[in-house]
Amino acid sequence: DYDSPFVFAAVNADCVTWIRYSKKRKERIYSD
C-alpha cells in the first residue's frame, strides 16, 4: 500500500513505443 507502484514507476518505468495497427493489434517497437 501507500502508492508504491506509482513511486516505483516515477523512478524506474520503461518508456515504451508501440505501433498501433488496429484497436486489437499493436506491436512494441522500442523500449528505453
ModelCIF file with pLDDT and N, C-alpha, C, O atoms, coordinates in Angstrom:
data_MODEL
#
_entry.id   MODEL 
#
_entity.id                         1 
_entity.type                       polymer 
_entity.pdbx_number_of_molecules   1 
#
_entity_poly.entity_id                      1 
_entity_poly.type                           'polypeptide(L)' 
_entity_poly.nstd_linkage                   no 
_entity_poly.nstd_monomer                   no 
_entity_poly.pdbx_seq_one_letter_code       DYDSPFVFAAVNADCVTWIRYSKKRKERIYSD 
_entity_poly.pdbx_seq_one_letter_code_can   DYDSPFVFAAVNADCVTWIRYSKKRKERIYSD 
_entity_poly.pdbx_strand_id                 A 
#
loop_
_entity_poly_seq.entity_id 
_entity_poly_seq.num 
_entity_poly_seq.mon_id 
_entity_poly_seq.hetero 
1 1  ASP n 
1 2  TYR n 
1 3  ASP n 
1 4  SER n 
1 5  PRO n 
1 6  PHE n 
1 7  VAL n 
1 8  PHE n 
1 9  ALA n 
1 10 ALA n 
1 11 VAL n 
1 12 ASN n 
1 13 ALA n 
1 14 ASP n 
1 15 CYS n 
1 16 VAL n 
1 17 THR n 
1 18 TRP n 
1 19 ILE n 
1 20 ARG n 
1 21 TYR n 
1 22 SER n 
1 23 LYS n 
1 24 LYS n 
1 25 ARG n 
1 26 LYS n 
1 27 GLU n 
1 28 ARG n 
1 29 ILE n 
1 30 TYR n 
1 31 SER n 
1 32 ASP n 
#
_struct_asym.id          A 
_struct_asym.entity_id   1 
#
loop_
_ma_qa_metric.id 
_ma_qa_metric.mode 
_ma_qa_metric.name 
_ma_qa_metric.software_group_id 
_ma_qa_metric.type 
1 global pLDDT . pLDDT 
2 local  pLDDT . pLDDT 
#
_ma_qa_metric_global.metric_id      1 
_ma_qa_metric_global.metric_value   92.72 
_ma_qa_metric_global.model_id       1 
_ma_qa_metric_global.ordinal_id     1 
#
loop_
_ma_qa_metric_local.label_asym_id 
_ma_qa_metric_local.label_comp_id 
_ma_qa_metric_local.label_seq_id 
_ma_qa_metric_local.metric_id 
_ma_qa_metric_local.metric_value 
_ma_qa_metric_local.model_id 
_ma_qa_metric_local.ordinal_id 
A ASP 1  2 84.00 1 1  
A TYR 2  2 88.00 1 2  
A ASP 3  2 90.00 1 3  
A SER 4  2 90.00 1 4  
A PRO 5  2 90.00 1 5  
A PHE 6  2 92.00 1 6  
A VAL 7  2 94.00 1 7  
A PHE 8  2 94.00 1 8  
A ALA 9  2 93.00 1 9  
A ALA 10 2 95.00 1 10 
A VAL 11 2 95.00 1 11 
A ASN 12 2 94.00 1 12 
A ALA 13 2 94.00 1 13 
A ASP 14 2 93.00 1 14 
A CYS 15 2 95.00 1 15 
A VAL 16 2 96.00 1 16 
A THR 17 2 95.00 1 17 
A TRP 18 2 95.00 1 18 
A ILE 19 2 95.00 1 19 
A ARG 20 2 94.00 1 20 
A TYR 21 2 93.00 1 21 
A SER 22 2 90.00 1 22 
A LYS 23 2 88.00 1 23 
A LYS 24 2 90.00 1 24 
A ARG 25 2 94.00 1 25 
A LYS 26 2 94.00 1 26 
A GLU 27 2 94.00 1 27 
A ARG 28 2 95.00 1 28 
A ILE 29 2 94.00 1 29 
A TYR 30 2 94.00 1 30 
A SER 31 2 93.00 1 31 
A ASP 32 2 92.00 1 32 
#
loop_
_atom_site.group_PDB 
_atom_site.id 
_atom_site.type_symbol 
_atom_site.label_atom_id 
_atom_site.label_alt_id 
_atom_site.label_comp_id 
_atom_site.label_asym_id 
_atom_site.label_entity_id 
_atom_site.label_seq_id 
_atom_site.pdbx_PDB_ins_code 
_atom_site.Cartn_x 
_atom_site.Cartn_y 
_atom_site.Cartn_z 
_atom_site.occupancy 
_atom_site.B_iso_or_equiv 
_atom_site.pdbx_formal_charge 
_atom_site.auth_seq_id 
_atom_site.auth_comp_id 
_atom_site.auth_asym_id 
_atom_site.auth_atom_id 
_atom_site.pdbx_PDB_model_num 
ATOM 1   N N  . ASP A 1 1  ? 0.830  -1.198 0.000   1.00 84.00 ? 1  ASP A N  1 
ATOM 2   C CA . ASP A 1 1  ? 0.000  0.000  0.000   1.00 84.00 ? 1  ASP A CA 1 
ATOM 3   C C  . ASP A 1 1  ? 0.871  1.257  0.000   1.00 84.00 ? 1  ASP A C  1 
ATOM 4   O O  . ASP A 1 1  ? 2.100  1.197  -0.015  1.00 84.00 ? 1  ASP A O  1 
ATOM 5   N N  . TYR A 1 2  ? 0.190  2.375  0.018   1.00 88.00 ? 2  TYR A N  1 
ATOM 6   C CA . TYR A 1 2  ? 0.814  3.693  0.128   1.00 88.00 ? 2  TYR A CA 1 
ATOM 7   C C  . TYR A 1 2  ? 1.546  4.101  -1.153  1.00 88.00 ? 2  TYR A C  1 
ATOM 8   O O  . TYR A 1 2  ? 2.591  4.750  -1.111  1.00 88.00 ? 2  TYR A O  1 
ATOM 9   N N  . ASP A 1 3  ? 0.972  3.705  -2.288  1.00 90.00 ? 3  ASP A N  1 
ATOM 10  C CA . ASP A 1 3  ? 1.391  4.219  -3.585  1.00 90.00 ? 3  ASP A CA 1 
ATOM 11  C C  . ASP A 1 3  ? 2.762  3.749  -4.050  1.00 90.00 ? 3  ASP A C  1 
ATOM 12  O O  . ASP A 1 3  ? 3.429  4.442  -4.817  1.00 90.00 ? 3  ASP A O  1 
ATOM 13  N N  . SER A 1 4  ? 3.179  2.591  -3.596  1.00 90.00 ? 4  SER A N  1 
ATOM 14  C CA . SER A 1 4  ? 4.463  2.035  -4.052  1.00 90.00 ? 4  SER A CA 1 
ATOM 15  C C  . SER A 1 4  ? 4.543  1.878  -5.567  1.00 90.00 ? 4  SER A C  1 
ATOM 16  O O  . SER A 1 4  ? 5.580  2.209  -6.142  1.00 90.00 ? 4  SER A O  1 
ATOM 17  N N  . PRO A 1 5  ? 3.489  1.384  -6.255  1.00 90.00 ? 5  PRO A N  1 
ATOM 18  C CA . PRO A 1 5  ? 3.605  1.263  -7.717  1.00 90.00 ? 5  PRO A CA 1 
ATOM 19  C C  . PRO A 1 5  ? 3.804  2.613  -8.408  1.00 90.00 ? 5  PRO A C  1 
ATOM 20  O O  . PRO A 1 5  ? 4.569  2.713  -9.368  1.00 90.00 ? 5  PRO A O  1 
ATOM 21  N N  . PHE A 1 6  ? 3.124  3.638  -7.926  1.00 92.00 ? 6  PHE A N  1 
ATOM 22  C CA . PHE A 1 6  ? 3.238  4.960  -8.543  1.00 92.00 ? 6  PHE A CA 1 
ATOM 23  C C  . PHE A 1 6  ? 4.652  5.521  -8.385  1.00 92.00 ? 6  PHE A C  1 
ATOM 24  O O  . PHE A 1 6  ? 5.224  6.050  -9.338  1.00 92.00 ? 6  PHE A O  1 
ATOM 25  N N  . VAL A 1 7  ? 5.211  5.402  -7.176  1.00 94.00 ? 7  VAL A N  1 
ATOM 26  C CA . VAL A 1 7  ? 6.558  5.922  -6.936  1.00 94.00 ? 7  VAL A CA 1 
ATOM 27  C C  . VAL A 1 7  ? 7.589  5.072  -7.683  1.00 94.00 ? 7  VAL A C  1 
ATOM 28  O O  . VAL A 1 7  ? 8.550  5.605  -8.238  1.00 94.00 ? 7  VAL A O  1 
ATOM 29  N N  . PHE A 1 8  ? 7.391  3.747  -7.698  1.00 94.00 ? 8  PHE A N  1 
ATOM 30  C CA . PHE A 1 8  ? 8.295  2.886  -8.453  1.00 94.00 ? 8  PHE A CA 1 
ATOM 31  C C  . PHE A 1 8  ? 8.355  3.325  -9.911  1.00 94.00 ? 8  PHE A C  1 
ATOM 32  O O  . PHE A 1 8  ? 9.438  3.450  -10.481 1.00 94.00 ? 8  PHE A O  1 
ATOM 33  N N  . ALA A 1 9  ? 7.202  3.558  -10.508 1.00 93.00 ? 9  ALA A N  1 
ATOM 34  C CA . ALA A 1 9  ? 7.164  3.988  -11.909 1.00 93.00 ? 9  ALA A CA 1 
ATOM 35  C C  . ALA A 1 9  ? 7.819  5.355  -12.085 1.00 93.00 ? 9  ALA A C  1 
ATOM 36  O O  . ALA A 1 9  ? 8.470  5.597  -13.102 1.00 93.00 ? 9  ALA A O  1 
ATOM 37  N N  . ALA A 1 10 ? 7.661  6.253  -11.113 1.00 95.00 ? 10 ALA A N  1 
ATOM 38  C CA . ALA A 1 10 ? 8.244  7.592  -11.215 1.00 95.00 ? 10 ALA A CA 1 
ATOM 39  C C  . ALA A 1 10 ? 9.758  7.546  -11.367 1.00 95.00 ? 10 ALA A C  1 
ATOM 40  O O  . ALA A 1 10 ? 10.347 8.414  -12.011 1.00 95.00 ? 10 ALA A O  1 
ATOM 41  N N  . VAL A 1 11 ? 10.387 6.533  -10.775 1.00 95.00 ? 11 VAL A N  1 
ATOM 42  C CA . VAL A 1 11 ? 11.852 6.457  -10.812 1.00 95.00 ? 11 VAL A CA 1 
ATOM 43  C C  . VAL A 1 11 ? 12.383 5.324  -11.685 1.00 95.00 ? 11 VAL A C  1 
ATOM 44  O O  . VAL A 1 11 ? 13.587 5.261  -11.935 1.00 95.00 ? 11 VAL A O  1 
ATOM 45  N N  . ASN A 1 12 ? 11.509 4.422  -12.158 1.00 94.00 ? 12 ASN A N  1 
ATOM 46  C CA . ASN A 1 12 ? 12.034 3.209  -12.783 1.00 94.00 ? 12 ASN A CA 1 
ATOM 47  C C  . ASN A 1 12 ? 11.206 2.666  -13.945 1.00 94.00 ? 12 ASN A C  1 
ATOM 48  O O  . ASN A 1 12 ? 11.460 1.549  -14.395 1.00 94.00 ? 12 ASN A O  1 
ATOM 49  N N  . ALA A 1 13 ? 10.244 3.403  -14.437 1.00 94.00 ? 13 ALA A N  1 
ATOM 50  C CA . ALA A 1 13 ? 9.408  2.891  -15.538 1.00 94.00 ? 13 ALA A CA 1 
ATOM 51  C C  . ALA A 1 13 ? 10.210 2.796  -16.830 1.00 94.00 ? 13 ALA A C  1 
ATOM 52  O O  . ALA A 1 13 ? 11.170 3.539  -17.038 1.00 94.00 ? 13 ALA A O  1 
ATOM 53  N N  . ASP A 1 14 ? 9.804  1.878  -17.685 1.00 93.00 ? 14 ASP A N  1 
ATOM 54  C CA . ASP A 1 14 ? 10.331 1.831  -19.043 1.00 93.00 ? 14 ASP A CA 1 
ATOM 55  C C  . ASP A 1 14 ? 9.503  2.777  -19.908 1.00 93.00 ? 14 ASP A C  1 
ATOM 56  O O  . ASP A 1 14 ? 8.294  2.902  -19.713 1.00 93.00 ? 14 ASP A O  1 
ATOM 57  N N  . CYS A 1 15 ? 10.144 3.436  -20.854 1.00 95.00 ? 15 CYS A N  1 
ATOM 58  C CA . CYS A 1 15 ? 9.429  4.232  -21.851 1.00 95.00 ? 15 CYS A CA 1 
ATOM 59  C C  . CYS A 1 15 ? 9.279  3.353  -23.091 1.00 95.00 ? 15 CYS A C  1 
ATOM 60  O O  . CYS A 1 15 ? 10.267 3.012  -23.742 1.00 95.00 ? 15 CYS A O  1 
ATOM 61  N N  . VAL A 1 16 ? 8.050  2.994  -23.408 1.00 96.00 ? 16 VAL A N  1 
ATOM 62  C CA . VAL A 1 16 ? 7.774  2.026  -24.463 1.00 96.00 ? 16 VAL A CA 1 
ATOM 63  C C  . VAL A 1 16 ? 7.020  2.705  -25.604 1.00 96.00 ? 16 VAL A C  1 
ATOM 64  O O  . VAL A 1 16 ? 6.039  3.414  -25.381 1.00 96.00 ? 16 VAL A O  1 
ATOM 65  N N  . THR A 1 17 ? 7.494  2.477  -26.829 1.00 95.00 ? 17 THR A N  1 
ATOM 66  C CA . THR A 1 17 ? 6.815  2.983  -28.015 1.00 95.00 ? 17 THR A CA 1 
ATOM 67  C C  . THR A 1 17 ? 6.163  1.808  -28.729 1.00 95.00 ? 17 THR A C  1 
ATOM 68  O O  . THR A 1 17 ? 6.785  0.769  -28.953 1.00 95.00 ? 17 THR A O  1 
ATOM 69  N N  . TRP A 1 18 ? 4.885  2.000  -29.082 1.00 95.00 ? 18 TRP A N  1 
ATOM 70  C CA . TRP A 1 18 ? 4.093  0.977  -29.750 1.00 95.00 ? 18 TRP A CA 1 
ATOM 71  C C  . TRP A 1 18 ? 3.597  1.494  -31.102 1.00 95.00 ? 18 TRP A C  1 
ATOM 72  O O  . TRP A 1 18 ? 3.241  2.665  -31.229 1.00 95.00 ? 18 TRP A O  1 
ATOM 73  N N  . ILE A 1 19 ? 3.575  0.619  -32.106 1.00 95.00 ? 19 ILE A N  1 
ATOM 74  C CA . ILE A 1 19 ? 2.845  0.913  -33.336 1.00 95.00 ? 19 ILE A CA 1 
ATOM 75  C C  . ILE A 1 19 ? 1.471  0.296  -33.158 1.00 95.00 ? 19 ILE A C  1 
ATOM 76  O O  . ILE A 1 19 ? 1.338  -0.880 -32.817 1.00 95.00 ? 19 ILE A O  1 
ATOM 77  N N  . ARG A 1 20 ? 0.461  1.102  -33.392 1.00 94.00 ? 20 ARG A N  1 
ATOM 78  C CA . ARG A 1 20 ? -0.913 0.599  -33.291 1.00 94.00 ? 20 ARG A CA 1 
ATOM 79  C C  . ARG A 1 20 ? -1.443 0.392  -34.702 1.00 94.00 ? 20 ARG A C  1 
ATOM 80  O O  . ARG A 1 20 ? -1.626 1.339  -35.466 1.00 94.00 ? 20 ARG A O  1 
ATOM 81  N N  . TYR A 1 21 ? -1.684 -0.872 -35.023 1.00 93.00 ? 21 TYR A N  1 
ATOM 82  C CA . TYR A 1 21 ? -2.191 -1.221 -36.352 1.00 93.00 ? 21 TYR A CA 1 
ATOM 83  C C  . TYR A 1 21 ? -3.715 -1.157 -36.394 1.00 93.00 ? 21 TYR A C  1 
ATOM 84  O O  . TYR A 1 21 ? -4.304 -0.763 -37.401 1.00 93.00 ? 21 TYR A O  1 
ATOM 85  N N  . SER A 1 22 ? -4.340 -1.546 -35.296 1.00 90.00 ? 22 SER A N  1 
ATOM 86  C CA . SER A 1 22 ? -5.799 -1.511 -35.187 1.00 90.00 ? 22 SER A CA 1 
ATOM 87  C C  . SER A 1 22 ? -6.143 -1.483 -33.703 1.00 90.00 ? 22 SER A C  1 
ATOM 88  O O  . SER A 1 22 ? -5.250 -1.507 -32.857 1.00 90.00 ? 22 SER A O  1 
ATOM 89  N N  . LYS A 1 23 ? -7.424 -1.432 -33.386 1.00 88.00 ? 23 LYS A N  1 
ATOM 90  C CA . LYS A 1 23 ? -7.835 -1.417 -31.975 1.00 88.00 ? 23 LYS A CA 1 
ATOM 91  C C  . LYS A 1 23 ? -7.385 -2.672 -31.240 1.00 88.00 ? 23 LYS A C  1 
ATOM 92  O O  . LYS A 1 23 ? -7.170 -2.643 -30.028 1.00 88.00 ? 23 LYS A O  1 
ATOM 93  N N  . LYS A 1 24 ? -7.245 -3.771 -31.968 1.00 90.00 ? 24 LYS A N  1 
ATOM 94  C CA . LYS A 1 24 ? -6.880 -5.034 -31.337 1.00 90.00 ? 24 LYS A CA 1 
ATOM 95  C C  . LYS A 1 24 ? -5.420 -5.428 -31.537 1.00 90.00 ? 24 LYS A C  1 
ATOM 96  O O  . LYS A 1 24 ? -4.951 -6.369 -30.898 1.00 90.00 ? 24 LYS A O  1 
ATOM 97  N N  . ARG A 1 25 ? -4.703 -4.741 -32.395 1.00 94.00 ? 25 ARG A N  1 
ATOM 98  C CA . ARG A 1 25 ? -3.336 -5.147 -32.711 1.00 94.00 ? 25 ARG A CA 1 
ATOM 99  C C  . ARG A 1 25 ? -2.363 -3.989 -32.551 1.00 94.00 ? 25 ARG A C  1 
ATOM 100 O O  . ARG A 1 25 ? -2.522 -2.918 -33.137 1.00 94.00 ? 25 ARG A O  1 
ATOM 101 N N  . LYS A 1 26 ? -1.343 -4.251 -31.727 1.00 94.00 ? 26 LYS A N  1 
ATOM 102 C CA . LYS A 1 26 ? -0.266 -3.285 -31.546 1.00 94.00 ? 26 LYS A CA 1 
ATOM 103 C C  . LYS A 1 26 ? 1.044  -4.066 -31.433 1.00 94.00 ? 26 LYS A C  1 
ATOM 104 O O  . LYS A 1 26 ? 1.049  -5.258 -31.125 1.00 94.00 ? 26 LYS A O  1 
ATOM 105 N N  . GLU A 1 27 ? 2.143  -3.376 -31.688 1.00 94.00 ? 27 GLU A N  1 
ATOM 106 C CA . GLU A 1 27 ? 3.455  -4.017 -31.639 1.00 94.00 ? 27 GLU A CA 1 
ATOM 107 C C  . GLU A 1 27 ? 4.435  -3.105 -30.919 1.00 94.00 ? 27 GLU A C  1 
ATOM 108 O O  . GLU A 1 27 ? 4.542  -1.917 -31.223 1.00 94.00 ? 27 GLU A O  1 
ATOM 109 N N  . ARG A 1 28 ? 5.138  -3.674 -29.971 1.00 95.00 ? 28 ARG A N  1 
ATOM 110 C CA . ARG A 1 28 ? 6.169  -2.940 -29.235 1.00 95.00 ? 28 ARG A CA 1 
ATOM 111 C C  . ARG A 1 28 ? 7.375  -2.795 -30.162 1.00 95.00 ? 28 ARG A C  1 
ATOM 112 O O  . ARG A 1 28 ? 7.922  -3.789 -30.637 1.00 95.00 ? 28 ARG A O  1 
ATOM 113 N N  . ILE A 1 29 ? 7.789  -1.538 -30.419 1.00 94.00 ? 29 ILE A N  1 
ATOM 114 C CA . ILE A 1 29 ? 8.906  -1.341 -31.339 1.00 94.00 ? 29 ILE A CA 1 
ATOM 115 C C  . ILE A 1 29 ? 10.153 -0.766 -30.669 1.00 94.00 ? 29 ILE A C  1 
ATOM 116 O O  . ILE A 1 29 ? 11.248 -0.838 -31.227 1.00 94.00 ? 29 ILE A O  1 
ATOM 117 N N  . TYR A 1 30 ? 9.988  -0.193 -29.472 1.00 94.00 ? 30 TYR A N  1 
ATOM 118 C CA . TYR A 1 30 ? 11.141 0.399  -28.801 1.00 94.00 ? 30 TYR A CA 1 
ATOM 119 C C  . TYR A 1 30 ? 10.873 0.473  -27.310 1.00 94.00 ? 30 TYR A C  1 
ATOM 120 O O  . TYR A 1 30 ? 9.750  0.724  -26.875 1.00 94.00 ? 30 TYR A O  1 
ATOM 121 N N  . SER A 1 31 ? 11.932 0.248  -26.533 1.00 93.00 ? 31 SER A N  1 
ATOM 122 C CA . SER A 1 31 ? 11.817 0.368  -25.087 1.00 93.00 ? 31 SER A CA 1 
ATOM 123 C C  . SER A 1 31 ? 13.107 0.971  -24.534 1.00 93.00 ? 31 SER A C  1 
ATOM 124 O O  . SER A 1 31 ? 14.191 0.419  -24.720 1.00 93.00 ? 31 SER A O  1 
ATOM 125 N N  . ASP A 1 32 ? 12.976 2.105  -23.856 1.00 92.00 ? 32 ASP A N  1 
ATOM 126 C CA . ASP A 1 32 ? 14.116 2.758  -23.223 1.00 92.00 ? 32 ASP A CA 1 
ATOM 127 C C  . ASP A 1 32 ? 14.041 2.457  -21.728 1.00 92.00 ? 32 ASP A C  1 
ATOM 128 O O  . ASP A 1 32 ? 14.900 2.900  -20.966 1.00 92.00 ? 32 ASP A O  1 
#
